[in-house]
Amino acid sequence: MSIVKRNNLIFPSLLNDFMGPDWLGGTDKWNTTVPAVNIKDNEKEFELELAVPGVKKDDFTVEVDHDVLTISSEMKSDNEETKDNYTRKEFSYSSFKRAFTLPETVNGSKIDAKYEDGILRLTLPKKQEALPKPKRLISIG
């Protein structure tokens, strides 16, 4: 068995653009290791939803430092199988890190996070002064 070195020095960009799966503007250039995020602005809070299926909730780290919310995860697996005349060892590693600057209206000390069905949901409550005020009737004197 010999190691074969692949060299794409002859028009690498042209060949990759033409022969790759995204030559019509597909998804080849997307970074698939970073989960998609939905951000909802509700009346009393912001909600963040991250699609991260297949991850255990213990693999997540969620922290707030100087009004920056950082969500990260690191997953490692290592499998080894030994039989009579061979050993098969497989390992994988994946990680991501997303950071969001919190607006001044968010109460950073009351952020809540839940993970279920492959969705990480974070609730970022707004400060009391940022909540909408009820209508007030002003009497004319």
Protein backbone atom coordinates (compact mmCIF):
# COMPACT_ATOMS: atom_id res chain seq x y z
CA MET A 1 0.00 0.00 0.00
CA SER A 2 1.35 3.42 -0.90
CA ILE A 3 0.26 6.91 0.02
CA VAL A 4 -1.01 8.97 -2.89
CA LYS A 5 -0.63 12.72 -2.67
CA ARG A 6 -3.33 14.76 -4.38
CA ASN A 7 -2.21 18.02 -5.90
CA ASN A 8 -4.69 20.59 -7.24
CA LEU A 9 -2.22 23.15 -8.51
CA ILE A 10 -3.54 23.21 -12.10
CA PHE A 11 -6.43 25.67 -12.09
CA PRO A 12 -7.65 24.61 -8.62
CA SER A 13 -10.22 27.36 -8.27
CA LEU A 14 -11.66 26.86 -11.76
CA LEU A 15 -11.90 23.10 -11.34
CA ASN A 16 -13.40 23.36 -7.86
CA ASP A 17 -15.94 25.91 -9.02
CA PHE A 18 -16.93 23.91 -12.09
CA MET A 19 -16.73 20.35 -10.79
CA GLY A 20 -17.92 21.01 -7.23
CA PRO A 21 -21.51 20.49 -6.15
CA ASP A 22 -22.13 24.21 -5.80
CA TRP A 23 -21.27 25.41 -9.31
CA LEU A 24 -24.80 26.84 -9.57
CA GLY A 25 -24.55 28.67 -6.26
CA GLY A 26 -25.25 25.79 -3.87
CA THR A 27 -24.17 25.18 -0.31
CA ASP A 28 -20.57 23.99 -0.67
CA LYS A 29 -19.14 27.20 0.81
CA TRP A 30 -21.38 27.17 3.90
CA ASN A 31 -19.78 26.34 7.22
CA THR A 32 -21.84 23.34 8.29
CA THR A 33 -20.11 22.97 11.66
CA VAL A 34 -21.82 26.09 13.04
CA PRO A 35 -25.46 25.51 14.02
CA ALA A 36 -28.26 27.60 12.59
CA VAL A 37 -29.78 30.17 14.99
CA ASN A 38 -33.24 31.71 15.15
CA ILE A 39 -33.65 34.90 17.19
CA LYS A 40 -37.11 36.03 18.25
CA ASP A 41 -37.86 39.43 19.79
CA ASN A 42 -40.94 39.01 21.98
CA GLU A 43 -42.61 41.61 24.17
CA LYS A 44 -40.93 40.48 27.40
CA GLU A 45 -37.86 38.57 26.17
CA PHE A 46 -35.58 37.48 23.38
CA GLU A 47 -35.49 33.79 22.41
CA LEU A 48 -32.55 32.07 20.74
CA GLU A 49 -32.97 28.63 19.17
CA LEU A 50 -29.94 26.66 17.97
CA ALA A 51 -30.37 23.49 15.91
CA VAL A 52 -27.82 21.02 17.34
CA PRO A 53 -29.14 17.47 17.02
CA GLY A 54 -27.19 14.53 18.40
CA VAL A 55 -25.45 16.50 21.16
CA LYS A 56 -25.81 15.86 24.89
CA LYS A 57 -26.72 18.82 27.07
CA ASP A 58 -23.54 18.29 29.11
CA ASP A 59 -21.47 19.05 25.98
CA PHE A 60 -22.67 22.70 25.90
CA THR A 61 -21.06 25.70 27.57
CA VAL A 62 -23.16 28.86 27.82
CA GLU A 63 -21.58 31.92 29.44
CA VAL A 64 -22.03 35.69 29.63
CA ASP A 65 -19.02 37.96 29.98
CA HIS A 66 -19.13 41.74 29.54
CA ASP A 67 -22.49 41.65 27.68
CA VAL A 68 -21.31 38.93 25.28
CA LEU A 69 -23.24 35.66 25.27
CA THR A 70 -21.05 32.76 24.16
CA ILE A 71 -22.45 29.34 23.28
CA SER A 72 -19.97 26.57 22.56
CA SER A 73 -19.81 22.81 22.37
CA GLU A 74 -17.07 20.24 22.07
CA MET A 75 -17.75 16.58 21.29
CA LYS A 76 -15.23 13.75 21.11
CA SER A 77 -15.71 10.06 20.46
CA ASP A 78 -13.20 7.25 20.35
CA ASN A 79 -14.01 3.67 19.29
CA GLU A 80 -11.55 0.82 19.18
CA GLU A 81 -12.21 -2.75 18.03
CA THR A 82 -9.56 -5.45 18.28
CA LYS A 83 -9.99 -8.84 16.60
CA ASP A 84 -7.62 -11.69 15.79
CA ASN A 85 -5.27 -10.04 13.32
CA TYR A 86 -6.41 -6.42 13.10
CA THR A 87 -7.28 -3.39 15.16
CA ARG A 88 -9.75 -0.77 14.00
CA LYS A 89 -9.67 2.57 15.77
CA GLU A 90 -12.00 5.41 14.86
CA PHE A 91 -12.26 8.79 16.46
CA SER A 92 -14.10 11.98 15.75
CA TYR A 93 -14.01 15.51 17.08
CA SER A 94 -16.36 18.40 16.43
CA SER A 95 -16.85 21.76 18.06
CA PHE A 96 -18.48 25.11 17.50
CA LYS A 97 -18.58 28.51 19.15
CA ARG A 98 -21.12 31.30 18.62
CA ALA A 99 -20.97 34.69 20.30
CA PHE A 100 -23.72 37.32 20.50
CA THR A 101 -23.43 40.86 21.81
CA LEU A 102 -26.34 41.43 24.20
CA PRO A 103 -28.32 44.66 23.89
CA GLU A 104 -28.52 46.92 26.93
CA THR A 105 -32.16 45.93 27.39
CA VAL A 106 -31.33 42.28 28.32
CA ASN A 107 -31.07 41.21 31.95
CA GLY A 108 -27.96 39.01 31.67
CA SER A 109 -28.30 37.54 35.17
CA LYS A 110 -31.63 35.84 34.40
CA ILE A 111 -30.81 34.01 31.14
CA ASP A 112 -32.29 30.50 31.02
CA ALA A 113 -31.28 27.60 28.73
CA LYS A 114 -33.04 24.31 27.89
CA TYR A 115 -32.09 21.52 25.50
CA GLU A 116 -34.63 19.06 24.12
CA ASP A 117 -35.27 17.29 20.82
CA GLY A 118 -32.04 18.63 19.26
CA ILE A 119 -32.91 22.30 19.91
CA LEU A 120 -31.05 24.48 22.42
CA ARG A 121 -33.42 27.25 23.57
CA LEU A 122 -32.19 30.29 25.46
CA THR A 123 -34.55 32.82 27.02
CA LEU A 124 -33.08 36.29 27.51
CA PRO A 125 -35.51 38.35 29.60
CA LYS A 126 -35.64 42.09 29.04
CA LYS A 127 -34.99 44.53 31.88
CA GLN A 128 -38.05 46.01 33.58
CA GLU A 129 -37.39 49.49 32.15
CA ALA A 130 -37.25 48.05 28.62
CA LEU A 131 -40.69 46.44 28.82
CA PRO A 132 -43.52 48.27 27.07
CA LYS A 133 -45.49 50.61 29.32
CA PRO A 134 -49.29 50.33 29.48
CA LYS A 135 -51.40 53.12 28.06
CA ARG A 136 -52.08 56.01 30.39
CA LEU A 137 -55.06 58.32 30.19
CA ILE A 138 -54.16 61.94 30.69
CA SER A 139 -56.92 64.19 31.90
CA ILE A 140 -57.26 67.61 30.36
CA GLY A 141 -57.53 70.38 32.96
